Amino acid sequence: ALQLYKQKLEGIQTHNNTLKEATEAMTELANGVDQCNEGWALKGKRKHIKYSDEAKNFASKMFRQGDSAGRKMDPAEVERLMKENDQIKPYERMNAQQIRSYFGTLCKEQTNKRGRADEKEAEEKEVYWEDLADEDVENIDDLGRQMDDDVHDLIRKDIKDFFELVKE
């Protein structure tokens, strides 16, 4: 089967020189030559590039600007603005994908800060409730139930009035 495939590739090669490498590989496979080095299928190591301080500051500024405006900044637009900025050298610039990733990091940090603030506020409330006597807690609960009952009574009255108007 390999020989027939090789012959077909060789026939195509006469018409097209771009299959030269494939033909050589097939010849080597047919002859039993193993070109693969040990570990050839292992995943390569990723490069971790540290962004320059200028690029990070610029991207952070754009993120905060979009956050305060209530409209997210487009990473492609930030990339274009970064290219126009003379203070950031070309090799320090971030591309749109890197900016998108960095925005995600900033958003995650911002969410974590808000979460810690919410936890602190919840702890303060718990301390407040712990300071109250049991009788005070019961009174607050009773007041809440009374307010719920009053709201329900008002709703029932409004519904009754509405149906009476509809009948007329």
Protein backbone atom coordinates (compact mmCIF):
# COMPACT_ATOMS: atom_id res chain seq x y z
CA ALA A 1 0.00 0.00 0.00
CA LEU A 2 2.86 2.37 0.83
CA GLN A 3 4.58 1.56 -2.46
CA LEU A 4 1.40 2.27 -4.45
CA TYR A 5 0.91 5.52 -2.52
CA LYS A 6 4.55 6.42 -3.18
CA GLN A 7 4.11 5.78 -6.91
CA LYS A 8 1.03 7.99 -6.98
CA LEU A 9 2.93 10.75 -5.18
CA GLU A 10 5.84 10.43 -7.58
CA GLY A 11 3.42 10.71 -10.51
CA ILE A 12 1.98 13.87 -9.05
CA GLN A 13 5.46 15.18 -8.30
CA THR A 14 6.36 15.28 -11.95
CA HIS A 15 3.57 17.80 -12.39
CA ASN A 16 4.13 19.66 -9.17
CA ASN A 17 7.45 20.14 -7.36
CA THR A 18 5.82 21.11 -4.06
CA LEU A 19 5.38 17.46 -3.02
CA LYS A 20 9.11 16.78 -2.93
CA GLU A 21 9.31 16.67 0.87
CA ALA A 22 6.27 14.37 1.14
CA THR A 23 7.77 11.99 -1.39
CA GLU A 24 11.08 11.88 0.48
CA ALA A 25 9.26 11.19 3.74
CA MET A 26 7.29 8.38 2.13
CA THR A 27 10.49 6.90 0.69
CA GLU A 28 12.14 6.99 4.10
CA LEU A 29 9.08 5.38 5.72
CA ALA A 30 9.04 2.67 3.06
CA ASN A 31 12.73 1.99 3.67
CA GLY A 32 12.18 1.87 7.42
CA VAL A 33 14.14 5.00 8.30
CA ASP A 34 12.81 6.63 11.46
CA GLN A 35 13.23 10.41 11.40
CA CYS A 36 11.44 11.07 14.66
CA ASN A 37 13.59 12.06 17.60
CA GLU A 38 12.70 10.91 21.06
CA GLY A 39 10.04 13.13 22.61
CA TRP A 40 8.91 14.64 19.30
CA ALA A 41 5.24 14.47 20.33
CA LEU A 42 5.71 16.15 23.70
CA LYS A 43 4.12 19.54 24.13
CA GLY A 44 6.65 22.36 23.94
CA LYS A 45 7.20 24.79 26.77
CA ARG A 46 5.32 28.05 26.58
CA LYS A 47 7.20 31.31 26.68
CA HIS A 48 6.11 33.61 29.48
CA ILE A 49 6.57 37.16 28.37
CA LYS A 50 6.57 39.85 31.00
CA TYR A 51 4.84 42.96 29.76
CA SER A 52 6.72 46.23 30.09
CA ASP A 53 5.63 48.66 32.79
CA GLU A 54 4.76 51.30 30.20
CA ALA A 55 2.50 48.93 28.27
CA LYS A 56 0.84 47.65 31.46
CA ASN A 57 0.26 51.17 32.75
CA PHE A 58 -1.23 52.23 29.42
CA ALA A 59 -3.52 49.18 29.25
CA SER A 60 -4.55 49.66 32.91
CA LYS A 61 -5.37 53.30 32.21
CA MET A 62 -7.53 52.29 29.24
CA PHE A 63 -9.25 49.58 31.34
CA ARG A 64 -10.07 52.05 34.14
CA GLN A 65 -11.23 54.61 31.59
CA GLY A 66 -13.62 52.07 30.06
CA ASP A 67 -14.76 50.89 33.48
CA SER A 68 -15.58 54.41 34.68
CA ALA A 69 -17.41 55.18 31.42
CA GLY A 70 -19.44 51.98 31.79
CA ARG A 71 -18.30 50.81 28.35
CA LYS A 72 -15.53 48.28 27.89
CA MET A 73 -12.58 49.30 25.76
CA ASP A 74 -12.02 47.20 22.64
CA PRO A 75 -8.59 45.48 22.79
CA ALA A 76 -8.01 46.18 19.08
CA GLU A 77 -8.67 49.88 19.71
CA VAL A 78 -6.29 49.87 22.69
CA GLU A 79 -3.65 48.19 20.50
CA ARG A 80 -4.07 50.96 17.91
CA LEU A 81 -3.81 53.66 20.59
CA MET A 82 -0.73 51.95 22.02
CA LYS A 83 0.92 52.09 18.59
CA GLU A 84 0.21 55.81 18.40
CA ASN A 85 1.79 56.40 21.82
CA ASP A 86 5.42 57.45 21.34
CA GLN A 87 6.42 56.59 24.90
CA ILE A 88 5.93 52.85 24.32
CA LYS A 89 8.67 51.30 22.21
CA PRO A 90 7.55 48.93 19.42
CA TYR A 91 9.07 45.85 21.08
CA GLU A 92 7.24 46.67 24.35
CA ARG A 93 3.78 46.90 22.79
CA MET A 94 1.06 44.37 23.45
CA ASN A 95 -1.11 42.93 20.70
CA ALA A 96 -4.92 42.76 20.93
CA GLN A 97 -4.93 39.19 22.29
CA GLN A 98 -2.42 40.10 25.00
CA ILE A 99 -4.47 43.17 25.90
CA ARG A 100 -7.65 41.07 26.08
CA SER A 101 -5.88 38.65 28.41
CA TYR A 102 -4.51 41.49 30.55
CA PHE A 103 -7.99 43.05 30.77
CA GLY A 104 -9.25 39.69 32.05
CA THR A 105 -6.55 39.70 34.72
CA LEU A 106 -7.47 43.25 35.77
CA CYS A 107 -11.16 42.34 35.88
CA LYS A 108 -10.43 39.31 38.04
CA GLU A 109 -8.35 41.40 40.45
CA GLN A 110 -11.12 44.00 40.62
CA THR A 111 -13.72 41.31 41.36
CA ASN A 112 -11.51 39.85 44.10
CA LYS A 113 -11.15 43.28 45.71
CA ARG A 114 -14.92 43.78 45.63
CA GLY A 115 -15.44 40.30 47.06
CA ARG A 116 -13.08 41.03 49.96
CA ALA A 117 -14.91 44.30 50.63
CA ASP A 118 -18.25 42.46 50.64
CA GLU A 119 -16.85 39.85 53.04
CA LYS A 120 -15.57 42.58 55.36
CA GLU A 121 -18.97 44.31 55.27
CA ALA A 122 -20.71 41.01 56.03
CA GLU A 123 -18.39 40.43 58.98
CA GLU A 124 -19.18 43.90 60.31
CA LYS A 125 -22.91 43.17 60.04
CA GLU A 126 -22.47 39.88 61.88
CA VAL A 127 -20.67 41.67 64.66
CA TYR A 128 -23.52 44.17 64.82
CA TRP A 129 -26.12 41.41 65.11
CA GLU A 130 -24.05 39.65 67.76
CA ASP A 131 -24.07 42.82 69.87
CA LEU A 132 -27.87 42.83 70.02
CA ALA A 133 -29.73 41.10 72.81
CA ASP A 134 -32.05 38.20 71.96
CA GLU A 135 -35.08 40.34 72.79
CA ASP A 136 -33.97 43.03 70.32
CA VAL A 137 -33.50 40.46 67.55
CA GLU A 138 -37.02 39.12 68.17
CA ASN A 139 -38.44 42.66 68.05
CA ILE A 140 -36.68 43.30 64.73
CA ASP A 141 -38.06 40.04 63.34
CA ASP A 142 -41.58 40.97 64.52
CA LEU A 143 -41.25 44.39 62.91
CA GLY A 144 -40.21 42.77 59.62
CA ARG A 145 -43.18 40.39 59.72
CA GLN A 146 -45.54 43.28 60.51
CA MET A 147 -44.20 45.26 57.55
CA ASP A 148 -44.71 42.25 55.26
CA ASP A 149 -48.28 41.88 56.51
CA ASP A 150 -48.96 45.59 55.91
CA VAL A 151 -47.63 45.38 52.35
CA HIS A 152 -49.75 42.31 51.60
CA ASP A 153 -52.85 44.06 53.02
CA LEU A 154 -52.22 47.05 50.76
CA ILE A 155 -51.82 44.81 47.72
CA ARG A 156 -55.04 42.93 48.52
CA LYS A 157 -56.91 46.24 48.93
CA ASP A 158 -55.55 47.59 45.62
CA ILE A 159 -56.51 44.39 43.79
CA LYS A 160 -60.02 44.53 45.30
CA ASP A 161 -60.38 48.20 44.26
CA PHE A 162 -59.16 47.39 40.76
CA PHE A 163 -61.73 44.62 40.25
CA GLU A 164 -64.49 46.85 41.55
CA LEU A 165 -63.54 49.47 38.96
CA VAL A 166 -63.51 46.85 36.23
CA LYS A 167 -67.04 45.68 37.18
CA GLU A 168 -68.38 49.23 36.87
